[in-house]
Protein backbone atom coordinates (compact mmCIF):
# COMPACT_ATOMS: atom_id res chain seq x y z
CA UNK A 1 -18.08 8.98 8.94
CA UNK A 2 -16.80 5.82 7.46
CA UNK A 3 -17.51 4.91 3.92
CA UNK A 4 -16.06 1.37 2.82
CA UNK A 5 -16.08 0.65 -0.63
CA UNK A 6 -16.37 -3.10 -1.88
CA UNK A 7 -16.68 -5.06 -5.00
CA UNK A 8 -13.88 -3.85 -7.25
CA UNK A 9 -11.53 -6.13 -8.88
CA UNK A 10 -9.74 -7.44 -12.02
CA UNK A 11 -12.87 -8.31 -15.00
CA UNK A 12 -12.28 -8.78 -18.68
CA UNK A 13 -13.83 -6.19 -21.21
CA UNK A 14 -17.65 -6.52 -21.53
CA UNK A 15 -17.96 -7.71 -18.20
CA UNK A 16 -19.73 -6.74 -14.99
CA UNK A 17 -18.97 -5.63 -11.42
CA UNK A 18 -21.18 -4.22 -8.66
CA UNK A 19 -19.52 -1.54 -6.19
CA UNK A 20 -21.37 -1.20 -2.67
CA UNK A 21 -20.42 1.35 -0.06
CA UNK A 22 -22.28 1.50 3.15
CA UNK A 23 -22.18 4.81 4.87
CA UNK A 24 -21.77 4.70 8.92
CA UNK A 25 -20.93 7.31 11.91
CA UNK A 26 -22.00 10.25 12.68
CA UNK A 27 -24.70 11.26 9.72
CA UNK A 28 -27.27 13.58 10.20
CA UNK A 29 -28.96 13.79 6.83
CA UNK A 30 -27.63 12.58 3.75
CA UNK A 31 -28.36 14.86 0.83
CA UNK A 32 -26.75 12.75 -2.35
CA UNK A 33 -24.12 9.94 -2.62
CA UNK A 34 -22.35 9.19 -5.59
CA UNK A 35 -19.30 7.38 -7.14
CA UNK A 36 -16.03 9.18 -8.28
CA UNK A 37 -13.29 7.63 -9.86
CA UNK A 38 -9.58 8.47 -10.54
CA UNK A 39 -7.43 6.63 -13.24
CA UNK A 40 -3.50 6.69 -13.30
CA UNK A 41 -2.25 9.76 -14.17
CA UNK A 42 -5.70 11.66 -14.24
CA UNK A 43 -7.75 13.89 -12.03
CA UNK A 44 -10.74 12.18 -10.24
CA UNK A 45 -13.90 12.62 -11.84
CA UNK A 46 -17.73 12.17 -11.42
CA UNK A 47 -19.26 8.70 -12.27
CA UNK A 48 -22.97 9.12 -10.93
CA UNK A 49 -24.68 10.53 -8.47
CA UNK A 50 -28.12 10.05 -6.64
CA UNK A 51 -29.84 12.23 -4.16
CA UNK A 52 -32.08 11.24 -1.24
CA UNK A 53 -35.24 11.56 -3.61
CA UNK A 54 -33.73 9.00 -6.26
CA UNK A 55 -32.47 11.85 -8.55
CA UNK A 56 -29.52 10.40 -10.72
CA UNK A 57 -26.96 11.87 -12.67
CA UNK A 58 -24.28 10.46 -14.71
CA UNK A 59 -21.36 11.05 -16.49
CA UNK A 60 -21.54 10.80 -20.54
CA UNK A 61 -18.86 8.41 -20.56
CA UNK A 62 -20.88 5.75 -18.37
CA UNK A 63 -24.60 6.69 -19.44
CA UNK A 64 -26.18 3.54 -20.60
CA UNK A 65 -23.87 1.24 -18.99
CA UNK A 66 -23.85 2.33 -15.31
CA UNK A 67 -26.54 2.19 -12.55
CA UNK A 68 -26.25 3.88 -9.44
CA UNK A 69 -28.82 3.34 -6.71
CA UNK A 70 -29.14 3.09 -3.21
CA UNK A 71 -30.73 1.85 0.07
CA UNK A 72 -31.63 4.83 2.14
CA UNK A 73 -32.52 2.76 5.09
CA UNK A 74 -28.93 1.20 4.96
CA UNK A 75 -27.05 4.31 4.20
CA UNK A 76 -25.67 2.12 1.29
CA UNK A 77 -24.89 3.41 -2.25
CA UNK A 78 -24.61 0.93 -5.27
CA UNK A 79 -22.83 0.96 -8.36
CA UNK A 80 -23.95 -1.60 -11.20
CA UNK A 81 -21.30 -1.54 -14.00
CA UNK A 82 -21.92 -3.47 -17.16
CA UNK A 83 -20.28 -3.72 -20.60
CA UNK A 84 -16.87 -2.42 -18.79
CA UNK A 85 -14.25 -0.76 -20.81
CA UNK A 86 -10.35 -0.50 -20.33
CA UNK A 87 -10.89 3.13 -20.06
CA UNK A 88 -12.95 2.42 -16.50
CA UNK A 89 -10.16 1.34 -14.83
CA UNK A 90 -9.42 3.28 -12.18
CA UNK A 91 -9.59 3.55 -8.35
CA UNK A 92 -13.40 4.14 -7.46
CA UNK A 93 -14.54 6.41 -4.54
CA UNK A 94 -17.54 6.52 -2.89
CA UNK A 95 -18.84 9.84 -1.70
CA UNK A 96 -21.67 11.39 0.87
CA UNK A 97 -22.85 14.95 1.36
CA UNK A 98 -24.65 15.26 4.73
CA UNK A 99 -26.66 18.20 5.48
CA UNK A 100 -26.30 19.71 9.13
CA UNK A 101 -27.91 23.39 9.91
CA UNK A 102 -28.01 23.84 6.47
CA UNK A 103 -24.30 23.57 5.84
CA UNK A 104 -23.05 20.66 3.84
CA UNK A 105 -20.13 18.20 4.76
CA UNK A 106 -18.59 15.97 1.78
CA UNK A 107 -17.01 12.72 2.83
CA UNK A 108 -15.16 10.36 0.94
CA UNK A 109 -14.04 6.56 1.49
CA UNK A 110 -10.65 4.73 0.66
CA UNK A 111 -11.61 3.26 -2.75
CA UNK A 112 -11.92 0.33 -4.31
CA UNK A 113 -9.85 -0.51 -7.22
CA UNK A 114 -11.39 -1.87 -10.82
CA UNK A 115 -9.45 -2.93 -13.64
CA UNK A 116 -10.96 -4.04 -16.70
CA UNK A 117 -8.18 -6.06 -19.25
CA UNK A 118 -8.98 -5.60 -22.76
């Protein structure tokens, strides 16, 4: 399974970016897709997830600023990031949970870098 993420870049504080991730490969049944991030010197943390039914979950730090959405037909997940802050600077990773035969498989993309300048 491949999860190439795109849309990262350099933006000023208060600005916006939209990340995209289109899953491809041997996918059976996607249960959920999501975004995680890892800032320099910190552990990877959850940003937002969305299930196949559209149920979303956000980290408290991004609630009200970020919006996750997905196109099930295209196996694509998006992350609209508004009102960006310097603390949002990180590498953002796309994540996919695939269900096959009652077993869950988790896949990660290579990440896209987001830098927010203050």
